[in-house]
Amino acid sequence: MKFIVSSTYLLKQLQVLGGVINSSNTLPILDNFLFNLDHSSLTVSASDLETTMAAKLEVDSDSSGSVAIPAKLLLDTLKTFPEQPLTFVIEDNNTVEI
């Protein structure tokens, strides 16, 4: 799975979704953003089991797939990037390379 997206565009969307994630989640999976890629459409969602939020973003891609990425780690990483296109590559073993 591979897609290209603007760093600030993605960060703004994830910061909004991050409001749903709290530090006292009972299930570790709830500490993640779920990325669902369907060619040029990326849907990112977050949930605390009571509230679920999703954002749909247009990206540059020709692949499909899903992956859960730790929210805090991703937000902290994206804050270090200046405005630039970022290429996300998710391998078959679910490793994420930015």
Protein backbone atom coordinates (compact mmCIF):
# COMPACT_ATOMS: atom_id res chain seq x y z
CA MET A 1 0.00 0.00 0.00
CA LYS A 2 1.43 3.38 -0.99
CA PHE A 3 0.06 6.93 -1.06
CA ILE A 4 1.26 10.54 -1.22
CA VAL A 5 -0.37 13.33 0.83
CA SER A 6 0.48 16.86 2.00
CA SER A 7 2.05 16.86 5.46
CA THR A 8 0.07 19.83 6.82
CA TYR A 9 -3.22 18.66 5.27
CA LEU A 10 -2.87 15.24 6.92
CA LEU A 11 -1.71 16.72 10.24
CA LYS A 12 -4.72 19.06 10.47
CA GLN A 13 -7.14 16.20 9.85
CA LEU A 14 -5.40 13.90 12.35
CA GLN A 15 -5.34 16.58 15.06
CA VAL A 16 -9.13 16.84 14.82
CA LEU A 17 -9.54 13.06 14.92
CA GLY A 18 -7.07 12.83 17.80
CA GLY A 19 -9.61 14.54 20.03
CA VAL A 20 -11.50 11.25 20.21
CA ILE A 21 -8.49 9.29 21.43
CA ASN A 22 -7.84 9.43 25.17
CA SER A 23 -5.02 8.07 27.30
CA SER A 24 -7.21 5.74 29.36
CA ASN A 25 -8.45 3.47 26.59
CA THR A 26 -9.38 -0.01 27.74
CA LEU A 27 -8.35 -1.57 24.42
CA PRO A 28 -4.89 -0.83 22.97
CA ILE A 29 -6.25 -0.75 19.40
CA LEU A 30 -8.16 2.43 20.30
CA ASP A 31 -4.81 4.27 20.56
CA ASN A 32 -4.50 4.00 16.76
CA PHE A 33 -5.75 5.76 13.66
CA LEU A 34 -7.28 3.37 11.14
CA PHE A 35 -6.19 4.17 7.57
CA ASN A 36 -8.40 2.72 4.80
CA LEU A 37 -7.05 3.41 1.32
CA ASP A 38 -9.19 2.86 -1.77
CA HIS A 39 -7.08 4.12 -4.68
CA SER A 40 -7.14 7.95 -4.44
CA SER A 41 -9.49 8.07 -1.44
CA LEU A 42 -8.07 7.74 2.08
CA THR A 43 -10.43 7.43 5.05
CA VAL A 44 -8.84 7.88 8.47
CA SER A 45 -10.88 7.04 11.56
CA ALA A 46 -10.49 7.11 15.33
CA SER A 47 -12.77 5.85 18.09
CA ASP A 48 -13.14 5.56 21.86
CA LEU A 49 -16.02 3.02 21.49
CA GLU A 50 -18.59 5.73 22.29
CA THR A 51 -17.61 8.26 19.65
CA THR A 52 -16.16 7.53 16.23
CA MET A 53 -14.86 10.19 13.86
CA ALA A 54 -13.63 9.80 10.31
CA ALA A 55 -12.05 12.07 7.73
CA LYS A 56 -11.92 11.42 4.00
CA LEU A 57 -8.86 12.76 2.18
CA GLU A 58 -7.92 12.79 -1.47
CA VAL A 59 -4.44 11.35 -1.97
CA ASP A 60 -2.20 10.35 -4.86
CA SER A 61 -2.34 6.55 -5.00
CA ASP A 62 -3.30 3.59 -7.13
CA SER A 63 -3.38 0.95 -4.39
CA SER A 64 -5.79 -0.19 -1.68
CA GLY A 65 -5.50 -1.54 1.85
CA SER A 66 -5.92 -0.89 5.56
CA VAL A 67 -3.53 -0.35 8.44
CA ALA A 68 -3.72 0.87 12.06
CA ILE A 69 -1.02 3.38 13.01
CA PRO A 70 -0.33 4.53 16.62
CA ALA A 71 -1.90 7.98 16.94
CA LYS A 72 0.56 9.64 19.32
CA LEU A 73 3.61 8.42 17.41
CA LEU A 74 2.19 9.56 14.07
CA LEU A 75 1.09 13.00 15.35
CA ASP A 76 4.47 13.63 17.01
CA THR A 77 6.28 12.59 13.82
CA LEU A 78 4.14 14.72 11.49
CA LYS A 79 4.71 17.82 13.64
CA THR A 80 8.43 17.65 12.81
CA PHE A 81 7.90 17.90 9.04
CA PRO A 82 7.65 21.19 7.15
CA GLU A 83 4.96 21.56 4.47
CA GLN A 84 5.83 18.93 1.89
CA PRO A 85 4.35 15.92 0.14
CA LEU A 86 4.84 12.78 2.22
CA THR A 87 4.97 9.29 0.75
CA PHE A 88 3.61 6.56 3.02
CA VAL A 89 4.64 3.01 2.16
CA ILE A 90 3.02 0.18 4.13
CA GLU A 91 4.69 -3.17 3.55
CA ASP A 92 3.04 -6.60 3.73
CA ASN A 93 4.30 -7.04 7.31
CA ASN A 94 2.49 -3.77 8.28
CA THR A 95 5.64 -1.69 8.73
CA VAL A 96 5.12 1.96 7.82
CA GLU A 97 7.77 4.04 6.07
CA ILE A 98 7.31 7.80 5.63
